[in-house]
Protein backbone atom coordinates (compact mmCIF):
# COMPACT_ATOMS: atom_id res chain seq x y z
CA UNK A 1 -19.25 42.82 -10.45
CA UNK A 2 -17.28 43.60 -13.37
CA UNK A 3 -15.78 46.91 -11.92
CA UNK A 4 -15.57 44.99 -8.55
CA UNK A 5 -13.13 42.49 -10.16
CA UNK A 6 -11.10 45.13 -12.49
CA UNK A 7 -8.97 45.75 -9.21
CA UNK A 8 -7.95 44.39 -5.56
CA UNK A 9 -7.13 46.76 -2.97
CA UNK A 10 -4.09 44.55 -1.75
CA UNK A 11 -2.84 44.52 -5.34
CA UNK A 12 -3.66 48.29 -5.68
CA UNK A 13 -1.62 49.03 -2.31
CA UNK A 14 1.51 47.12 -3.93
CA UNK A 15 1.02 49.25 -7.26
CA UNK A 16 -1.03 52.55 -6.15
CA UNK A 17 0.08 54.12 -9.77
CA UNK A 18 -2.50 51.52 -11.49
CA UNK A 19 -5.49 53.54 -10.01
CA UNK A 20 -4.39 56.07 -12.02
CA UNK A 21 -5.71 53.97 -15.17
CA UNK A 22 -8.59 52.64 -13.28
CA UNK A 23 -9.83 56.52 -12.16
CA UNK A 24 -9.55 57.79 -16.14
CA UNK A 25 -11.24 54.52 -16.95
CA UNK A 26 -14.19 54.94 -14.35
CA UNK A 27 -14.69 58.81 -14.84
CA UNK A 28 -14.33 58.18 -18.86
CA UNK A 29 -17.28 55.75 -18.52
CA UNK A 30 -19.20 58.24 -16.31
CA UNK A 31 -18.99 60.76 -19.04
CA UNK A 32 -19.73 58.45 -21.86
CA UNK A 33 -23.07 57.16 -20.08
CA UNK A 34 -23.96 60.78 -19.00
CA UNK A 35 -23.92 61.95 -22.53
CA UNK A 36 -25.81 59.20 -23.92
CA UNK A 37 -28.59 58.48 -21.16
CA UNK A 38 -28.67 61.75 -18.64
CA UNK A 39 -27.65 64.79 -20.81
CA UNK A 40 -29.80 67.56 -18.92
CA UNK A 41 -28.23 66.03 -15.64
CA UNK A 42 -24.94 65.28 -16.98
CA UNK A 43 -22.55 67.75 -14.61
CA UNK A 44 -24.11 65.48 -11.58
CA UNK A 45 -24.48 62.37 -13.31
CA UNK A 46 -20.69 62.29 -14.38
CA UNK A 47 -19.87 62.48 -10.61
CA UNK A 48 -22.54 60.04 -9.49
CA UNK A 49 -21.39 57.27 -11.83
CA UNK A 50 -17.42 57.96 -10.66
CA UNK A 51 -18.65 57.80 -7.31
CA UNK A 52 -20.92 54.58 -7.74
CA UNK A 53 -17.71 52.93 -9.88
CA UNK A 54 -15.24 54.28 -7.26
CA UNK A 55 -17.00 53.34 -4.05
CA UNK A 56 -16.46 49.48 -4.03
CA UNK A 57 -12.39 49.99 -4.15
CA UNK A 58 -12.48 52.67 -1.44
CA UNK A 59 -14.69 50.97 1.28
CA UNK A 60 -12.50 47.50 0.67
CA UNK A 61 -9.80 49.64 1.30
CA UNK A 62 -10.91 51.14 4.43
CA UNK A 63 -11.71 47.93 5.60
CA UNK A 64 -8.34 46.56 5.50
CA UNK A 65 -6.77 50.02 6.86
CA UNK A 66 -9.08 49.41 9.67
CA UNK A 67 -8.19 45.74 10.29
CA UNK A 68 -4.47 46.80 10.39
CA UNK A 69 -5.46 48.96 13.64
CA UNK A 70 -6.06 45.49 15.22
CA UNK A 71 -2.95 44.09 14.32
CA UNK A 72 -0.19 47.01 14.48
CA UNK A 73 0.72 48.58 17.56
CA UNK A 74 3.28 50.94 16.55
CA UNK A 75 2.00 54.54 15.20
CA UNK A 76 5.01 55.09 12.68
CA UNK A 77 4.09 51.35 11.24
CA UNK A 78 0.25 52.41 11.12
CA UNK A 79 1.32 55.68 9.46
CA UNK A 80 3.52 54.29 6.72
CA UNK A 81 0.57 51.27 6.22
CA UNK A 82 -1.92 54.04 5.83
CA UNK A 83 0.18 55.82 3.50
CA UNK A 84 -0.15 52.97 1.04
CA UNK A 85 -4.12 53.47 1.09
CA UNK A 86 -3.70 57.38 0.78
CA UNK A 87 -1.33 57.02 -2.35
CA UNK A 88 -4.08 54.33 -4.10
CA UNK A 89 -6.83 57.16 -3.55
CA UNK A 90 -4.37 59.91 -4.77
CA UNK A 91 -3.45 58.15 -7.79
CA UNK A 92 -7.11 57.54 -8.26
CA UNK A 93 -7.90 60.99 -8.11
CA UNK A 94 -5.19 62.05 -10.56
CA UNK A 95 -6.66 59.89 -13.01
CA UNK A 96 -9.97 61.19 -12.76
CA UNK A 97 -8.81 64.50 -12.90
CA UNK A 98 -6.69 64.11 -15.72
CA UNK A 99 -9.44 62.13 -17.99
CA UNK A 100 -11.94 64.46 -17.25
CA UNK A 101 -9.94 67.99 -18.20
CA UNK A 102 -9.19 66.22 -21.25
CA UNK A 103 -12.50 65.64 -21.97
CA UNK A 104 -13.36 69.23 -21.35
CA UNK A 105 -10.80 70.11 -23.75
CA UNK A 106 -11.54 68.03 -26.63
CA UNK A 107 -15.53 67.94 -26.67
CA UNK A 108 -17.15 70.91 -28.43
CA UNK A 109 -17.54 73.89 -26.12
CA UNK A 110 -21.20 73.53 -26.35
CA UNK A 111 -21.28 70.00 -25.33
CA UNK A 112 -18.70 70.51 -22.52
CA UNK A 113 -20.69 73.44 -21.32
CA UNK A 114 -23.51 70.91 -20.85
CA UNK A 115 -21.56 68.38 -19.38
CA UNK A 116 -19.81 70.03 -16.87
CA UNK A 117 -21.95 73.02 -16.29
CA UNK A 118 -22.11 72.63 -12.34
CA UNK A 119 -18.57 72.47 -12.39
CA UNK A 120 -18.15 75.84 -14.44
CA UNK A 121 -20.75 77.23 -11.98
CA UNK A 122 -18.78 76.66 -8.61
CA UNK A 123 -15.16 77.00 -9.86
CA UNK A 124 -14.88 80.22 -8.26
CA UNK A 125 -15.97 78.66 -4.87
CA UNK A 126 -13.82 75.80 -5.06
CA UNK A 127 -10.44 76.54 -6.46
CA UNK A 128 -9.97 79.80 -4.69
CA UNK A 129 -7.36 81.70 -5.28
CA UNK A 130 -6.03 79.82 -8.09
CA UNK A 131 -9.12 81.40 -9.91
CA UNK A 132 -10.15 84.45 -8.23
CA UNK A 133 -6.58 86.36 -6.96
CA UNK A 134 -8.88 88.44 -4.71
CA UNK A 135 -9.50 85.37 -2.18
CA UNK A 136 -7.47 85.91 1.15
CA UNK A 137 -6.06 82.71 2.85
CA UNK A 138 -8.24 82.94 5.43
CA UNK A 139 -11.47 82.43 3.03
CA UNK A 140 -9.45 79.52 1.27
CA UNK A 141 -8.66 77.74 4.53
CA UNK A 142 -12.54 78.05 5.57
CA UNK A 143 -14.04 77.16 2.64
CA UNK A 144 -11.40 74.02 2.51
CA UNK A 145 -11.80 73.42 6.27
CA UNK A 146 -15.61 73.58 5.54
CA UNK A 147 -15.01 70.60 2.74
CA UNK A 148 -13.03 68.74 5.26
CA UNK A 149 -16.00 68.84 7.82
CA UNK A 150 -18.02 67.36 5.33
CA UNK A 151 -15.78 64.77 4.08
CA UNK A 152 -15.27 63.53 7.73
CA UNK A 153 -18.82 63.80 8.36
CA UNK A 154 -19.73 61.88 5.09
CA UNK A 155 -17.09 58.90 5.91
CA UNK A 156 -18.32 58.74 9.57
CA UNK A 157 -22.16 58.17 8.19
CA UNK A 158 -21.32 55.84 5.35
CA UNK A 159 -17.45 54.79 5.61
CA UNK A 160 -16.59 55.50 1.94
CA UNK A 161 -18.90 58.68 1.92
CA UNK A 162 -16.02 61.01 1.32
CA UNK A 163 -15.75 59.84 -2.31
CA UNK A 164 -18.10 62.05 -3.25
CA UNK A 165 -16.72 65.22 -2.43
CA UNK A 166 -13.44 63.97 -3.23
CA UNK A 167 -14.66 62.96 -6.70
CA UNK A 168 -16.74 66.16 -7.13
CA UNK A 169 -13.27 68.00 -6.41
CA UNK A 170 -11.80 66.17 -8.97
CA UNK A 171 -14.09 66.82 -11.53
CA UNK A 172 -13.93 70.48 -10.53
CA UNK A 173 -10.12 70.69 -11.03
CA UNK A 174 -10.55 68.91 -14.36
CA UNK A 175 -12.62 71.67 -15.66
CA UNK A 176 -10.28 74.39 -14.38
CA UNK A 177 -7.06 72.40 -15.93
CA UNK A 178 -8.97 72.00 -19.33
CA UNK A 179 -10.20 75.99 -19.54
CA UNK A 180 -6.77 76.95 -18.64
CA UNK A 181 -5.39 74.79 -21.36
CA UNK A 182 -8.29 75.56 -23.75
CA UNK A 183 -7.99 79.41 -23.42
CA UNK A 184 -4.26 79.64 -23.85
CA UNK A 185 -2.89 82.01 -26.46
CA UNK A 186 -1.38 80.16 -29.60
CA UNK A 187 -3.11 76.99 -29.17
CA UNK A 188 -0.24 74.79 -28.10
CA UNK A 189 -2.29 72.38 -25.78
CA UNK A 190 0.69 70.17 -24.93
CA UNK A 191 2.54 72.75 -23.59
CA UNK A 192 -0.28 74.83 -21.85
CA UNK A 193 -1.84 71.44 -20.83
CA UNK A 194 1.11 70.34 -18.79
CA UNK A 195 1.72 73.77 -17.41
CA UNK A 196 -1.85 73.84 -16.26
CA UNK A 197 -1.25 70.47 -14.47
CA UNK A 198 1.74 71.63 -12.34
CA UNK A 199 -0.10 74.54 -11.75
CA UNK A 200 -3.09 73.29 -9.88
CA UNK A 201 -1.69 70.08 -8.62
CA UNK A 202 1.14 72.06 -6.72
CA UNK A 203 -1.41 72.58 -4.09
CA UNK A 204 -3.98 70.27 -5.51
CA UNK A 205 -2.40 67.22 -4.31
CA UNK A 206 -1.48 68.02 -0.62
CA UNK A 207 -5.09 69.34 -0.47
CA UNK A 208 -6.67 66.08 -1.75
CA UNK A 209 -3.93 64.01 0.51
CA UNK A 210 -5.84 65.93 3.32
CA UNK A 211 -9.31 65.25 2.33
CA UNK A 212 -8.50 61.52 1.81
CA UNK A 213 -6.42 61.53 5.08
CA UNK A 214 -9.75 62.68 7.20
CA UNK A 215 -11.88 60.30 5.08
CA UNK A 216 -9.74 57.35 5.96
CA UNK A 217 -9.67 58.28 9.57
CA UNK A 218 -13.29 58.77 9.95
CA UNK A 219 -13.94 55.83 7.60
CA UNK A 220 -11.93 53.72 9.86
CA UNK A 221 -14.00 54.66 13.05
CA UNK A 222 -17.41 54.10 10.91
CA UNK A 223 -16.09 50.41 10.29
CA UNK A 224 -15.23 49.69 13.50
CA UNK A 225 -18.32 50.65 14.86
CA UNK A 226 -20.48 48.77 12.21
CA UNK A 227 -18.75 45.71 12.94
CA UNK A 228 -18.91 46.14 16.67
CA UNK A 229 -15.01 46.31 17.35
CA UNK A 230 -15.89 49.29 19.73
CA UNK A 231 -16.51 46.52 22.13
CA UNK A 232 -12.73 45.38 22.00
CA UNK A 233 -9.87 46.65 24.11
CA UNK A 234 -7.96 47.85 21.10
CA UNK A 235 -10.91 49.98 19.95
CA UNK A 236 -9.52 52.89 21.79
CA UNK A 237 -6.30 52.68 19.59
CA UNK A 238 -8.33 52.65 16.56
CA UNK A 239 -9.79 55.85 17.72
CA UNK A 240 -6.44 57.40 18.56
CA UNK A 241 -5.38 56.40 15.37
CA UNK A 242 -8.12 57.77 13.17
CA UNK A 243 -8.04 61.23 15.24
CA UNK A 244 -4.07 61.59 14.60
CA UNK A 245 -5.01 61.06 10.88
CA UNK A 246 -7.60 63.91 11.38
CA UNK A 247 -5.36 65.97 12.88
CA UNK A 248 -2.92 65.49 10.35
CA UNK A 249 -5.12 66.23 7.62
CA UNK A 250 -5.86 69.66 9.14
CA UNK A 251 -1.99 70.50 9.08
CA UNK A 252 -1.69 69.14 5.84
CA UNK A 253 -4.72 71.55 4.35
CA UNK A 254 -3.10 74.46 5.90
CA UNK A 255 0.10 73.71 4.38
CA UNK A 256 -2.03 73.54 0.87
CA UNK A 257 -3.75 76.62 1.69
CA UNK A 258 -0.03 78.75 1.95
CA UNK A 259 1.18 76.94 -1.26
CA UNK A 260 -1.72 78.18 -3.27
CA UNK A 261 -1.79 81.53 -1.66
CA UNK A 262 2.22 82.29 -1.46
CA UNK A 263 4.07 79.66 -3.73
CA UNK A 264 1.79 79.25 -6.59
CA UNK A 265 1.74 82.68 -7.45
CA UNK A 266 5.58 83.11 -7.63
CA UNK A 267 5.75 80.59 -10.45
CA UNK A 268 2.64 81.18 -12.38
């Protein structure tokens, strides 16, 4: 009940930047609890506890977005309304990423290796060309589209299920940025950390917006079906709106992959 009352979805949509701090607080609590109580399985418990704390705000937000489909007929108005939720989720993702990257930097190397063991083992797969320059565009795009399908499936089955994939991505990106700063020559953490954020967020933000967009679209359909709204005349409108979000997420994901392969290497 304490965590549920920290932030209201309607308030968060008006001030989405506050979710940056909420995401950071949640992930810090998750790291501390995992270190104290679940050290042997800390890398996955950090993600699980973060998901647990974020699931309420995500589910309630998707519920609100589903209701908007029944209130507004204009696609432009709906897209504008949905963009508020996407901003909320994006700031939450950035907050989680920044907090976990700072934990990775400032924890002793042996402790961070235990707490972020799973993330370190999968960096080469998830971050694609940002970590492994040998990756081709099709490989990055295939991996990202695979994650997009999983997000859609999770969101459709559980409403807010996509949050697990998104929290996992945030934890992996946090480790990538933290590792970039920690291994920098000269030890100027502030400069290299800022550079690391810019380098990986350049393609990471549009990529995560695509995942959130797909998760939101599938989640709206899931909640509409759960509430038996599929029997109403406007359910078709809900499906069309959600399908539009998912289609737009694919376009966004392709753009993120192009940025990762062709734009980021030009500057970093």
